[in-house]
């Protein structure tokens, strides 16, 4: 979506005064030497200039070029919401009024980053780096068009799984496949099942495609994007035979517990996408998160625990690096397996 620009312009004098307040040096300087970058150039100061009356905004005035990198760094962490629309600040160097002059113009742009549709709450996975090895990049280039799809590239409405896999078979969604070693082993062990691996980590998806190539997997498809959005917008009710969530981010700090994936609204969504008799399998090595998972799933009326509380570790679930690390550090791994009740 193209983004309209610049509906509000700050005066040069007011912006110069706002930034001059952050430095002991005067706002005017005609020498070619750039002043030192003020250490207290804060987000609040930046937003004195960049705070919009409307979302799209552009402000151009004269500031020392030495401030550019600091302003860009501060702008990178600035963002907000206006009328349910998200924006970010960006600082762009315009140029000096004269050759060799240490002063010039840089512009603060506020750019809309999403449409008016409200953002979802907690994402299913956290975006990490995108750097890939040469092998991962090769696998991506050769196999992504066949095996993978980005969330935004999916057609509107429920995904035609029969068309995507080229066959009709029970379908299981794994949320957060990581580097894919466990996912690939599960796909190898159950060729009669369609496996969807949802992950945002580009290198992890590239690694999984390398494994799919190694084992000649035809029952595996990859989704890059938020699995919550996929479940909400692209999976019809009762469309899945299983959902697996192995070792999701535990967010161990108490103030971050609200970011945990397994919460009542999310489990209700998952349950609605399972067919009667379909399974939800959870695993974690963080005891507090395990207790939360148990409490949340017990509170979902359409799910039934296959066991009294914790499930014995299934022999068919591969031991991943996360699990090996947890065992080495003395943490107990807990499994939970719930079944969708009939008639719900």
C-alpha atoms as a PDB file:
ATOM      1  CA  UNK A   1       0.000   0.000   0.000  1.00  0.00           C
ATOM      2  CA  UNK A   2       1.483   3.347  -0.948  1.00  0.00           C
ATOM      3  CA  UNK A   3       1.942   5.681   1.968  1.00  0.00           C
ATOM      4  CA  UNK A   4       0.947   9.346   1.646  1.00  0.00           C
ATOM      5  CA  UNK A   5       3.458  11.806   3.033  1.00  0.00           C
ATOM      6  CA  UNK A   6       3.772  15.186   4.698  1.00  0.00           C
ATOM      7  CA  UNK A   7       0.580  16.753   5.906  1.00  0.00           C
ATOM      8  CA  UNK A   8       2.183  18.766   8.701  1.00  0.00           C
ATOM      9  CA  UNK A   9       5.377  20.828   8.668  1.00  0.00           C
ATOM     10  CA  UNK A  10       7.195  22.127  11.743  1.00  0.00           C
ATOM     11  CA  UNK A  11       8.757  25.563  11.507  1.00  0.00           C
ATOM     12  CA  UNK A  12      12.537  25.702  11.220  1.00  0.00           C
ATOM     13  CA  UNK A  13      12.837  27.999  14.183  1.00  0.00           C
ATOM     14  CA  UNK A  14      10.842  25.809  16.583  1.00  0.00           C
ATOM     15  CA  UNK A  15      12.612  22.617  15.599  1.00  0.00           C
ATOM     16  CA  UNK A  16      16.017  24.288  15.826  1.00  0.00           C
ATOM     17  CA  UNK A  17      15.161  25.500  19.314  1.00  0.00           C
ATOM     18  CA  UNK A  18      13.905  22.066  20.395  1.00  0.00           C
ATOM     19  CA  UNK A  19      17.121  20.362  19.405  1.00  0.00           C
ATOM     20  CA  UNK A  20      19.365  23.184  20.556  1.00  0.00           C
ATOM     21  CA  UNK A  21      18.029  22.581  24.074  1.00  0.00           C
ATOM     22  CA  UNK A  22      19.750  19.202  24.104  1.00  0.00           C
ATOM     23  CA  UNK A  23      23.238  20.601  23.539  1.00  0.00           C
ATOM     24  CA  UNK A  24      25.452  23.146  25.233  1.00  0.00           C
ATOM     25  CA  UNK A  25      26.437  24.420  21.778  1.00  0.00           C
ATOM     26  CA  UNK A  26      24.406  27.098  20.010  1.00  0.00           C
ATOM     27  CA  UNK A  27      21.965  26.110  17.297  1.00  0.00           C
ATOM     28  CA  UNK A  28      23.733  28.316  14.721  1.00  0.00           C
ATOM     29  CA  UNK A  29      27.137  27.363  13.402  1.00  0.00           C
ATOM     30  CA  UNK A  30      28.751  28.496  10.194  1.00  0.00           C
ATOM     31  CA  UNK A  31      32.083  26.761  10.579  1.00  0.00           C
ATOM     32  CA  UNK A  32      32.887  23.565   8.749  1.00  0.00           C
ATOM     33  CA  UNK A  33      33.622  21.714  11.986  1.00  0.00           C
ATOM     34  CA  UNK A  34      30.674  19.617  13.149  1.00  0.00           C
ATOM     35  CA  UNK A  35      29.769  19.943  16.851  1.00  0.00           C
ATOM     36  CA  UNK A  36      29.909  16.888  19.065  1.00  0.00           C
ATOM     37  CA  UNK A  37      26.793  14.753  19.108  1.00  0.00           C
ATOM     38  CA  UNK A  38      24.704  15.554  22.204  1.00  0.00           C
ATOM     39  CA  UNK A  39      24.481  12.555  24.495  1.00  0.00           C
ATOM     40  CA  UNK A  40      21.006  13.388  25.716  1.00  0.00           C
ATOM     41  CA  UNK A  41      19.281  13.471  22.351  1.00  0.00           C
ATOM     42  CA  UNK A  42      16.312  11.467  23.556  1.00  0.00           C
ATOM     43  CA  UNK A  43      13.231   9.945  22.012  1.00  0.00           C
ATOM     44  CA  UNK A  44      11.122  12.553  23.786  1.00  0.00           C
ATOM     45  CA  UNK A  45      13.153  15.365  22.238  1.00  0.00           C
ATOM     46  CA  UNK A  46      12.900  13.788  18.820  1.00  0.00           C
ATOM     47  CA  UNK A  47       9.159  13.419  19.176  1.00  0.00           C
ATOM     48  CA  UNK A  48       8.783  17.078  20.129  1.00  0.00           C
ATOM     49  CA  UNK A  49       9.490  17.610  16.471  1.00  0.00           C
ATOM     50  CA  UNK A  50       8.131  14.364  15.100  1.00  0.00           C
ATOM     51  CA  UNK A  51       4.885  13.966  17.049  1.00  0.00           C
ATOM     52  CA  UNK A  52       2.157  14.129  14.416  1.00  0.00           C
ATOM     53  CA  UNK A  53      -1.163  15.876  14.358  1.00  0.00           C
ATOM     54  CA  UNK A  54      -1.787  13.369  11.569  1.00  0.00           C
ATOM     55  CA  UNK A  55       0.168  10.261  10.811  1.00  0.00           C
ATOM     56  CA  UNK A  56       2.133  11.346   7.771  1.00  0.00           C
ATOM     57  CA  UNK A  57       4.577  14.098   8.595  1.00  0.00           C
ATOM     58  CA  UNK A  58       7.730  15.621   7.250  1.00  0.00           C
ATOM     59  CA  UNK A  59       9.905  18.227   8.947  1.00  0.00           C
ATOM     60  CA  UNK A  60      13.020  19.737   7.370  1.00  0.00           C
ATOM     61  CA  UNK A  61      15.345  22.211   9.055  1.00  0.00           C
ATOM     62  CA  UNK A  62      19.058  22.891   9.611  1.00  0.00           C
ATOM     63  CA  UNK A  63      20.883  20.757  12.167  1.00  0.00           C
ATOM     64  CA  UNK A  64      24.503  19.645  12.445  1.00  0.00           C
ATOM     65  CA  UNK A  65      25.286  16.617  10.321  1.00  0.00           C
ATOM     66  CA  UNK A  66      27.032  15.001  13.298  1.00  0.00           C
ATOM     67  CA  UNK A  67      23.596  14.625  14.875  1.00  0.00           C
ATOM     68  CA  UNK A  68      22.339  12.502  11.989  1.00  0.00           C
ATOM     69  CA  UNK A  69      23.424   9.051  13.143  1.00  0.00           C
ATOM     70  CA  UNK A  70      22.211   9.682  16.694  1.00  0.00           C
ATOM     71  CA  UNK A  71      18.870  10.947  15.442  1.00  0.00           C
ATOM     72  CA  UNK A  72      18.541   7.925  13.181  1.00  0.00           C
ATOM     73  CA  UNK A  73      19.241   5.596  16.092  1.00  0.00           C
ATOM     74  CA  UNK A  74      16.691   7.327  18.267  1.00  0.00           C
ATOM     75  CA  UNK A  75      14.129   7.379  15.491  1.00  0.00           C
ATOM     76  CA  UNK A  76      14.510   3.654  15.002  1.00  0.00           C
ATOM     77  CA  UNK A  77      13.050   3.045  18.445  1.00  0.00           C
ATOM     78  CA  UNK A  78      10.276   5.604  18.067  1.00  0.00           C
ATOM     79  CA  UNK A  79       6.836   4.493  17.129  1.00  0.00           C
ATOM     80  CA  UNK A  80       3.276   4.813  18.186  1.00  0.00           C
ATOM     81  CA  UNK A  81      -0.353   4.478  17.308  1.00  0.00           C
ATOM     82  CA  UNK A  82      -2.741   7.144  16.139  1.00  0.00           C
ATOM     83  CA  UNK A  83      -6.364   6.291  15.320  1.00  0.00           C
ATOM     84  CA  UNK A  84      -5.524   2.579  15.383  1.00  0.00           C
ATOM     85  CA  UNK A  85      -2.743   3.090  12.841  1.00  0.00           C
ATOM     86  CA  UNK A  86       0.917   2.352  13.501  1.00  0.00           C
ATOM     87  CA  UNK A  87       3.808   4.596  12.523  1.00  0.00           C
ATOM     88  CA  UNK A  88       7.541   4.773  12.795  1.00  0.00           C
ATOM     89  CA  UNK A  89       9.978   7.681  12.645  1.00  0.00           C
ATOM     90  CA  UNK A  90      12.716   7.817  10.035  1.00  0.00           C
ATOM     91  CA  UNK A  91      15.489  10.396   9.692  1.00  0.00           C
ATOM     92  CA  UNK A  92      16.799  11.172   6.206  1.00  0.00           C
ATOM     93  CA  UNK A  93      19.821  13.365   5.395  1.00  0.00           C
ATOM     94  CA  UNK A  94      18.920  16.045   2.844  1.00  0.00           C
ATOM     95  CA  UNK A  95      22.251  17.829   2.395  1.00  0.00           C
ATOM     96  CA  UNK A  96      24.252  20.861   3.397  1.00  0.00           C
ATOM     97  CA  UNK A  97      23.487  24.400   2.244  1.00  0.00           C
ATOM     98  CA  UNK A  98      27.054  24.789   1.048  1.00  0.00           C
ATOM     99  CA  UNK A  99      29.890  22.457   0.154  1.00  0.00           C
ATOM    100  CA  UNK A 100      32.053  21.549   3.111  1.00  0.00           C
ATOM    101  CA  UNK A 101      29.618  22.957   5.630  1.00  0.00           C
ATOM    102  CA  UNK A 102      29.160  20.892   8.777  1.00  0.00           C
ATOM    103  CA  UNK A 103      25.561  21.970   9.010  1.00  0.00           C
ATOM    104  CA  UNK A 104      22.756  20.947   6.747  1.00  0.00           C
ATOM    105  CA  UNK A 105      19.275  19.484   6.722  1.00  0.00           C
ATOM    106  CA  UNK A 106      17.895  16.171   7.731  1.00  0.00           C
ATOM    107  CA  UNK A 107      14.263  15.305   7.603  1.00  0.00           C
ATOM    108  CA  UNK A 108      12.083  13.446  10.105  1.00  0.00           C
ATOM    109  CA  UNK A 109       9.446  11.352   8.368  1.00  0.00           C
ATOM    110  CA  UNK A 110       6.642   9.558  10.141  1.00  0.00           C
ATOM    111  CA  UNK A 111       5.638   6.620   7.985  1.00  0.00           C
ATOM    112  CA  UNK A 112       2.585   4.424   8.381  1.00  0.00           C
ATOM    113  CA  UNK A 113       3.585   0.796   8.914  1.00  0.00           C
ATOM    114  CA  UNK A 114       0.218  -0.976   8.928  1.00  0.00           C
ATOM    115  CA  UNK A 115      -3.225  -0.334   7.552  1.00  0.00           C
ATOM    116  CA  UNK A 116      -6.199   0.611   9.688  1.00  0.00           C
ATOM    117  CA  UNK A 117      -6.870  -2.971  10.657  1.00  0.00           C
ATOM    118  CA  UNK A 118      -6.075  -3.465  14.327  1.00  0.00           C
ATOM    119  CA  UNK A 119      -2.903  -5.326  15.126  1.00  0.00           C
ATOM    120  CA  UNK A 120      -3.253  -8.727  16.715  1.00  0.00           C
ATOM    121  CA  UNK A 121      -2.053  -9.242  20.239  1.00  0.00           C
ATOM    122  CA  UNK A 122       0.814 -11.591  21.055  1.00  0.00           C
ATOM    123  CA  UNK A 123       2.442 -13.048  17.920  1.00  0.00           C
ATOM    124  CA  UNK A 124       2.996 -16.788  17.780  1.00  0.00           C
ATOM    125  CA  UNK A 125       6.738 -16.428  17.326  1.00  0.00           C
ATOM    126  CA  UNK A 126       9.329 -13.687  17.628  1.00  0.00           C
ATOM    127  CA  UNK A 127      11.153 -12.429  14.567  1.00  0.00           C
ATOM    128  CA  UNK A 128      14.899 -13.036  14.700  1.00  0.00           C
ATOM    129  CA  UNK A 129      17.798 -12.463  12.323  1.00  0.00           C
ATOM    130  CA  UNK A 130      17.480 -13.201   8.620  1.00  0.00           C
ATOM    131  CA  UNK A 131      21.085 -14.128   7.809  1.00  0.00           C
ATOM    132  CA  UNK A 132      21.333 -17.521   6.130  1.00  0.00           C
ATOM    133  CA  UNK A 133      24.221 -19.807   5.311  1.00  0.00           C
ATOM    134  CA  UNK A 134      25.085 -20.514   1.684  1.00  0.00           C
ATOM    135  CA  UNK A 135      23.385 -23.913   1.913  1.00  0.00           C
ATOM    136  CA  UNK A 136      20.226 -22.452   3.429  1.00  0.00           C
ATOM    137  CA  UNK A 137      20.108 -19.755   0.756  1.00  0.00           C
ATOM    138  CA  UNK A 138      20.547 -22.332  -2.009  1.00  0.00           C
ATOM    139  CA  UNK A 139      17.740 -24.480  -0.554  1.00  0.00           C
ATOM    140  CA  UNK A 140      15.525 -21.401  -0.279  1.00  0.00           C
ATOM    141  CA  UNK A 141      16.143 -20.387  -3.878  1.00  0.00           C
ATOM    142  CA  UNK A 142      15.559 -23.906  -5.201  1.00  0.00           C
ATOM    143  CA  UNK A 143      12.636 -25.124  -3.091  1.00  0.00           C
ATOM    144  CA  UNK A 144      10.723 -22.193  -1.574  1.00  0.00           C
ATOM    145  CA  UNK A 145       8.368 -21.772  -4.529  1.00  0.00           C
ATOM    146  CA  UNK A 146       7.386 -25.425  -4.211  1.00  0.00           C
ATOM    147  CA  UNK A 147       7.375 -25.969  -0.451  1.00  0.00           C
ATOM    148  CA  UNK A 148       6.823 -22.580   1.143  1.00  0.00           C
ATOM    149  CA  UNK A 149       4.534 -19.603   1.285  1.00  0.00           C
ATOM    150  CA  UNK A 150       4.601 -16.300   3.126  1.00  0.00           C
ATOM    151  CA  UNK A 151       1.488 -15.459   5.097  1.00  0.00           C
ATOM    152  CA  UNK A 152       0.844 -12.301   3.100  1.00  0.00           C
ATOM    153  CA  UNK A 153       1.010 -14.246  -0.168  1.00  0.00           C
ATOM    154  CA  UNK A 154      -1.806 -16.628   0.747  1.00  0.00           C
ATOM    155  CA  UNK A 155      -5.137 -16.024  -1.009  1.00  0.00           C
ATOM    156  CA  UNK A 156      -7.861 -14.563   1.167  1.00  0.00           C
ATOM    157  CA  UNK A 157      -9.982 -17.072   3.012  1.00  0.00           C
ATOM    158  CA  UNK A 158      -9.308 -20.674   4.062  1.00  0.00           C
ATOM    159  CA  UNK A 159      -6.303 -22.300   2.419  1.00  0.00           C
ATOM    160  CA  UNK A 160      -7.045 -25.210   0.098  1.00  0.00           C
ATOM    161  CA  UNK A 161      -4.848 -27.814   1.820  1.00  0.00           C
ATOM    162  CA  UNK A 162      -5.614 -30.501  -0.748  1.00  0.00           C
ATOM    163  CA  UNK A 163      -4.333 -28.239  -3.498  1.00  0.00           C
ATOM    164  CA  UNK A 164      -1.315 -27.101  -1.449  1.00  0.00           C
ATOM    165  CA  UNK A 165      -0.161 -30.661  -0.720  1.00  0.00           C
ATOM    166  CA  UNK A 166      -1.486 -32.255  -3.882  1.00  0.00           C
ATOM    167  CA  UNK A 167      -3.413 -34.860  -1.902  1.00  0.00           C
ATOM    168  CA  UNK A 168      -6.037 -35.312   0.806  1.00  0.00           C
ATOM    169  CA  UNK A 169      -4.546 -36.506   4.108  1.00  0.00           C
ATOM    170  CA  UNK A 170      -4.645 -35.722   7.845  1.00  0.00           C
ATOM    171  CA  UNK A 171      -2.921 -32.365   8.418  1.00  0.00           C
ATOM    172  CA  UNK A 172      -0.875 -31.278  11.437  1.00  0.00           C
ATOM    173  CA  UNK A 173       0.350 -27.735  12.114  1.00  0.00           C
ATOM    174  CA  UNK A 174       3.551 -27.169  14.091  1.00  0.00           C
ATOM    175  CA  UNK A 175       3.866 -23.653  15.478  1.00  0.00           C
ATOM    176  CA  UNK A 176       7.472 -22.536  15.846  1.00  0.00           C
ATOM    177  CA  UNK A 177       9.500 -25.183  14.029  1.00  0.00           C
ATOM    178  CA  UNK A 178      12.826 -23.508  14.833  1.00  0.00           C
ATOM    179  CA  UNK A 179      15.717 -24.996  12.879  1.00  0.00           C
ATOM    180  CA  UNK A 180      13.458 -27.836  11.769  1.00  0.00           C
ATOM    181  CA  UNK A 181      15.383 -30.904  12.938  1.00  0.00           C
ATOM    182  CA  UNK A 182      12.428 -32.258  14.930  1.00  0.00           C
ATOM    183  CA  UNK A 183       9.909 -31.299  12.257  1.00  0.00           C
ATOM    184  CA  UNK A 184      11.812 -33.145   9.559  1.00  0.00           C
ATOM    185  CA  UNK A 185      12.079 -36.293  11.687  1.00  0.00           C
ATOM    186  CA  UNK A 186       8.347 -36.226  12.383  1.00  0.00           C
ATOM    187  CA  UNK A 187       7.583 -35.849   8.667  1.00  0.00           C
ATOM    188  CA  UNK A 188       9.887 -38.757   7.838  1.00  0.00           C
ATOM    189  CA  UNK A 189       8.264 -40.948  10.499  1.00  0.00           C
ATOM    190  CA  UNK A 190       4.694 -40.211   9.324  1.00  0.00           C
ATOM    191  CA  UNK A 191       4.617 -39.979   5.514  1.00  0.00           C
ATOM    192  CA  UNK A 192       0.852 -40.489   5.544  1.00  0.00           C
ATOM    193  CA  UNK A 193       0.371 -37.139   7.363  1.00  0.00           C
ATOM    194  CA  UNK A 194       0.594 -33.628   5.878  1.00  0.00           C
ATOM    195  CA  UNK A 195       2.888 -31.431   7.988  1.00  0.00           C
ATOM    196  CA  UNK A 196       2.770 -27.614   8.032  1.00  0.00           C
ATOM    197  CA  UNK A 197       5.702 -25.881   9.756  1.00  0.00           C
ATOM    198  CA  UNK A 198       4.940 -22.281  10.774  1.00  0.00           C
ATOM    199  CA  UNK A 199       7.995 -20.152  11.569  1.00  0.00           C
ATOM    200  CA  UNK A 200       9.173 -16.570  11.080  1.00  0.00           C
ATOM    201  CA  UNK A 201      12.903 -17.335  11.330  1.00  0.00           C
ATOM    202  CA  UNK A 202      14.212 -17.291   7.751  1.00  0.00           C
ATOM    203  CA  UNK A 203      17.363 -19.283   8.473  1.00  0.00           C
ATOM    204  CA  UNK A 204      15.287 -21.934  10.266  1.00  0.00           C
ATOM    205  CA  UNK A 205      13.033 -22.316   7.235  1.00  0.00           C
ATOM    206  CA  UNK A 206      16.082 -22.526   4.979  1.00  0.00           C
ATOM    207  CA  UNK A 207      17.557 -25.248   7.200  1.00  0.00           C
ATOM    208  CA  UNK A 208      14.274 -27.153   7.153  1.00  0.00           C
ATOM    209  CA  UNK A 209      14.230 -27.050   3.349  1.00  0.00           C
ATOM    210  CA  UNK A 210      17.729 -28.509   3.351  1.00  0.00           C
ATOM    211  CA  UNK A 211      16.403 -31.375   5.464  1.00  0.00           C
ATOM    212  CA  UNK A 212      13.357 -31.760   3.223  1.00  0.00           C
ATOM    213  CA  UNK A 213      15.733 -32.079   0.280  1.00  0.00           C
ATOM    214  CA  UNK A 214      17.921 -34.570   2.160  1.00  0.00           C
ATOM    215  CA  UNK A 215      14.994 -36.838   3.048  1.00  0.00           C
ATOM    216  CA  UNK A 216      13.007 -36.194  -0.166  1.00  0.00           C
ATOM    217  CA  UNK A 217       9.989 -35.074   1.845  1.00  0.00           C
ATOM    218  CA  UNK A 218       6.794 -34.541  -0.126  1.00  0.00           C
ATOM    219  CA  UNK A 219       4.473 -34.256   2.886  1.00  0.00           C
ATOM    220  CA  UNK A 220       5.929 -31.011   4.271  1.00  0.00           C
ATOM    221  CA  UNK A 221       4.960 -27.384   3.617  1.00  0.00           C
ATOM    222  CA  UNK A 222       6.435 -24.263   5.189  1.00  0.00           C
ATOM    223  CA  UNK A 223       4.663 -21.088   6.262  1.00  0.00           C
ATOM    224  CA  UNK A 224       6.552 -17.901   7.084  1.00  0.00           C
ATOM    225  CA  UNK A 225       4.477 -15.633   9.271  1.00  0.00           C
ATOM    226  CA  UNK A 226       2.362 -15.426  12.389  1.00  0.00           C
ATOM    227  CA  UNK A 227       0.563 -18.713  12.996  1.00  0.00           C
ATOM    228  CA  UNK A 228      -2.194 -16.928  14.909  1.00  0.00           C
ATOM    229  CA  UNK A 229      -3.078 -14.939  11.800  1.00  0.00           C
ATOM    230  CA  UNK A 230      -2.882 -18.149   9.736  1.00  0.00           C
ATOM    231  CA  UNK A 231      -5.270 -19.954  12.082  1.00  0.00           C
ATOM    232  CA  UNK A 232      -7.638 -17.002  12.204  1.00  0.00           C
ATOM    233  CA  UNK A 233      -7.814 -16.119   8.526  1.00  0.00           C
ATOM    234  CA  UNK A 234      -6.695 -19.179   6.561  1.00  0.00           C
ATOM    235  CA  UNK A 235      -7.811 -22.319   8.416  1.00  0.00           C
ATOM    236  CA  UNK A 236     -11.463 -23.272   8.459  1.00  0.00           C
ATOM    237  CA  UNK A 237     -13.057 -24.572  11.691  1.00  0.00           C
ATOM    238  CA  UNK A 238     -12.309 -28.247  12.114  1.00  0.00           C
ATOM    239  CA  UNK A 239      -9.711 -28.118   9.353  1.00  0.00           C
ATOM    240  CA  UNK A 240      -6.740 -29.577  11.272  1.00  0.00           C
ATOM    241  CA  UNK A 241      -6.074 -32.997  12.748  1.00  0.00           C
ATOM    242  CA  UNK A 242      -3.403 -31.793  15.121  1.00  0.00           C
ATOM    243  CA  UNK A 243      -1.498 -28.776  16.430  1.00  0.00           C
ATOM    244  CA  UNK A 244       1.964 -29.058  17.985  1.00  0.00           C
ATOM    245  CA  UNK A 245       3.705 -26.382  20.029  1.00  0.00           C
ATOM    246  CA  UNK A 246       7.084 -27.540  21.271  1.00  0.00           C
ATOM    247  CA  UNK A 247       9.161 -25.327  23.545  1.00  0.00           C
ATOM    248  CA  UNK A 248       7.594 -21.937  22.812  1.00  0.00           C
ATOM    249  CA  UNK A 249       9.365 -18.844  24.106  1.00  0.00           C
ATOM    250  CA  UNK A 250       8.874 -19.016  27.911  1.00  0.00           C
ATOM    251  CA  UNK A 251       9.261 -15.280  28.549  1.00  0.00           C
ATOM    252  CA  UNK A 252      10.575 -16.111  32.029  1.00  0.00           C
ATOM    253  CA  UNK A 253      10.388 -12.604  33.541  1.00  0.00           C
ATOM    254  CA  UNK A 254       7.115 -12.000  35.337  1.00  0.00           C
ATOM    255  CA  UNK A 255       6.512  -8.690  33.568  1.00  0.00           C
ATOM    256  CA  UNK A 256       6.751 -10.543  30.248  1.00  0.00           C
ATOM    257  CA  UNK A 257       4.348 -13.387  31.063  1.00  0.00           C
ATOM    258  CA  UNK A 258       1.624 -11.542  29.139  1.00  0.00           C
ATOM    259  CA  UNK A 259       3.637 -12.191  25.961  1.00  0.00           C
ATOM    260  CA  UNK A 260       3.414 -15.951  26.295  1.00  0.00           C
ATOM    261  CA  UNK A 261       1.694 -17.664  23.416  1.00  0.00           C
ATOM    262  CA  UNK A 262      -0.393 -20.146  25.399  1.00  0.00           C
ATOM    263  CA  UNK A 263      -3.268 -18.068  26.739  1.00  0.00           C
ATOM    264  CA  UNK A 264      -7.052 -18.664  26.896  1.00  0.00           C
ATOM    265  CA  UNK A 265      -7.925 -16.809  23.681  1.00  0.00           C
ATOM    266  CA  UNK A 266      -5.219 -18.586  21.716  1.00  0.00           C
ATOM    267  CA  UNK A 267      -6.161 -22.061  22.988  1.00  0.00           C
ATOM    268  CA  UNK A 268      -9.812 -21.372  22.166  1.00  0.00           C
ATOM    269  CA  UNK A 269      -8.730 -20.470  18.619  1.00  0.00           C
ATOM    270  CA  UNK A 270      -6.647 -23.634  18.279  1.00  0.00           C
ATOM    271  CA  UNK A 271      -9.492 -25.781  19.617  1.00  0.00           C
ATOM    272  CA  UNK A 272     -11.911 -24.279  17.104  1.00  0.00           C
ATOM    273  CA  UNK A 273      -9.599 -25.302  14.236  1.00  0.00           C
ATOM    274  CA  UNK A 274      -9.264 -28.922  15.388  1.00  0.00           C
ATOM    275  CA  UNK A 275     -11.649 -31.563  14.120  1.00  0.00           C
ATOM    276  CA  UNK A 276     -13.380 -33.717  16.788  1.00  0.00           C
ATOM    277  CA  UNK A 277     -10.731 -36.192  17.922  1.00  0.00           C
ATOM    278  CA  UNK A 278      -7.895 -33.920  16.824  1.00  0.00           C
ATOM    279  CA  UNK A 279      -5.001 -33.384  19.240  1.00  0.00           C
ATOM    280  CA  UNK A 280      -3.154 -30.457  20.760  1.00  0.00           C
ATOM    281  CA  UNK A 281       0.349 -31.394  21.936  1.00  0.00           C
ATOM    282  CA  UNK A 282       2.372 -28.971  24.076  1.00  0.00           C
ATOM    283  CA  UNK A 283       5.861 -29.332  25.525  1.00  0.00           C
ATOM    284  CA  UNK A 284       7.987 -27.004  27.645  1.00  0.00           C
ATOM    285  CA  UNK A 285      10.928 -27.173  30.023  1.00  0.00           C
ATOM    286  CA  UNK A 286       9.865 -24.175  32.147  1.00  0.00           C
ATOM    287  CA  UNK A 287       7.862 -25.346  35.155  1.00  0.00           C
ATOM    288  CA  UNK A 288       5.875 -22.137  35.629  1.00  0.00           C
ATOM    289  CA  UNK A 289       4.910 -22.062  31.958  1.00  0.00           C
ATOM    290  CA  UNK A 290       3.939 -25.748  32.136  1.00  0.00           C
ATOM    291  CA  UNK A 291       1.573 -24.973  35.014  1.00  0.00           C
ATOM    292  CA  UNK A 292       0.112 -22.092  33.022  1.00  0.00           C
ATOM    293  CA  UNK A 293      -0.371 -24.339  29.981  1.00  0.00           C
ATOM    294  CA  UNK A 294      -2.158 -26.924  32.125  1.00  0.00           C
ATOM    295  CA  UNK A 295      -4.453 -24.337  33.708  1.00  0.00           C
ATOM    296  CA  UNK A 296      -5.307 -22.691  30.398  1.00  0.00           C
ATOM    297  CA  UNK A 297      -6.051 -25.971  28.593  1.00  0.00           C
ATOM    298  CA  UNK A 298      -8.123 -27.268  31.512  1.00  0.00           C
ATOM    299  CA  UNK A 299     -10.196 -24.121  31.206  1.00  0.00           C
ATOM    300  CA  UNK A 300     -11.056 -24.810  27.552  1.00  0.00           C
ATOM    301  CA  UNK A 301     -14.343 -26.787  27.599  1.00  0.00           C
ATOM    302  CA  UNK A 302     -13.915 -28.294  24.134  1.00  0.00           C
ATOM    303  CA  UNK A 303     -10.631 -30.017  25.036  1.00  0.00           C
ATOM    304  CA  UNK A 304     -10.094 -33.157  27.114  1.00  0.00           C
ATOM    305  CA  UNK A 305      -6.799 -34.114  28.735  1.00  0.00           C
ATOM    306  CA  UNK A 306      -5.705 -37.583  27.655  1.00  0.00           C
ATOM    307  CA  UNK A 307      -4.050 -38.003  31.055  1.00  0.00           C
ATOM    308  CA  UNK A 308      -4.723 -36.833  34.597  1.00  0.00           C
ATOM    309  CA  UNK A 309      -2.248 -33.988  34.156  1.00  0.00           C
ATOM    310  CA  UNK A 310       1.185 -34.451  32.523  1.00  0.00           C
ATOM    311  CA  UNK A 311       1.524 -36.814  29.605  1.00  0.00           C
ATOM    312  CA  UNK A 312       4.415 -39.281  29.515  1.00  0.00           C
ATOM    313  CA  UNK A 313       7.008 -38.189  27.021  1.00  0.00           C
ATOM    314  CA  UNK A 314       6.057 -39.762  23.655  1.00  0.00           C
ATOM    315  CA  UNK A 315       8.856 -41.854  22.234  1.00  0.00           C
ATOM    316  CA  UNK A 316       8.026 -40.564  18.764  1.00  0.00           C
ATOM    317  CA  UNK A 317       8.715 -36.902  19.670  1.00  0.00           C
ATOM    318  CA  UNK A 318      12.310 -36.171  18.621  1.00  0.00           C
ATOM    319  CA  UNK A 319      14.765 -34.773  21.146  1.00  0.00           C
ATOM    320  CA  UNK A 320      15.646 -31.274  19.938  1.00  0.00           C
ATOM    321  CA  UNK A 321      18.542 -29.033  20.906  1.00  0.00           C
ATOM    322  CA  UNK A 322      16.209 -27.125  23.225  1.00  0.00           C
ATOM    323  CA  UNK A 323      15.295 -30.293  25.072  1.00  0.00           C
ATOM    324  CA  UNK A 324      18.899 -31.497  25.259  1.00  0.00           C
ATOM    325  CA  UNK A 325      19.952 -28.158  26.710  1.00  0.00           C
ATOM    326  CA  UNK A 326      17.129 -28.246  29.256  1.00  0.00           C
ATOM    327  CA  UNK A 327      18.123 -31.731  30.375  1.00  0.00           C
ATOM    328  CA  UNK A 328      21.759 -30.670  30.680  1.00  0.00           C
ATOM    329  CA  UNK A 329      20.701 -27.733  32.858  1.00  0.00           C
ATOM    330  CA  UNK A 330      18.490 -29.922  35.050  1.00  0.00           C
ATOM    331  CA  UNK A 331      15.083 -28.679  33.902  1.00  0.00           C
ATOM    332  CA  UNK A 332      12.208 -31.155  33.669  1.00  0.00           C
ATOM    333  CA  UNK A 333      10.400 -31.320  30.329  1.00  0.00           C
ATOM    334  CA  UNK A 334       6.602 -31.509  30.588  1.00  0.00           C
ATOM    335  CA  UNK A 335       4.242 -32.742  27.853  1.00  0.00           C
ATOM    336  CA  UNK A 336       0.516 -32.106  27.602  1.00  0.00           C
ATOM    337  CA  UNK A 337      -1.775 -33.847  25.108  1.00  0.00           C
ATOM    338  CA  UNK A 338      -5.384 -32.718  24.711  1.00  0.00           C
ATOM    339  CA  UNK A 339      -8.090 -34.113  22.440  1.00  0.00           C
ATOM    340  CA  UNK A 340     -10.963 -32.187  20.862  1.00  0.00           C
ATOM    341  CA  UNK A 341     -14.238 -33.448  22.312  1.00  0.00           C
ATOM    342  CA  UNK A 342     -16.809 -34.932  19.967  1.00  0.00           C
ATOM    343  CA  UNK A 343     -19.748 -32.724  19.176  1.00  0.00           C
ATOM    344  CA  UNK A 344     -17.895 -29.496  20.029  1.00  0.00           C
END
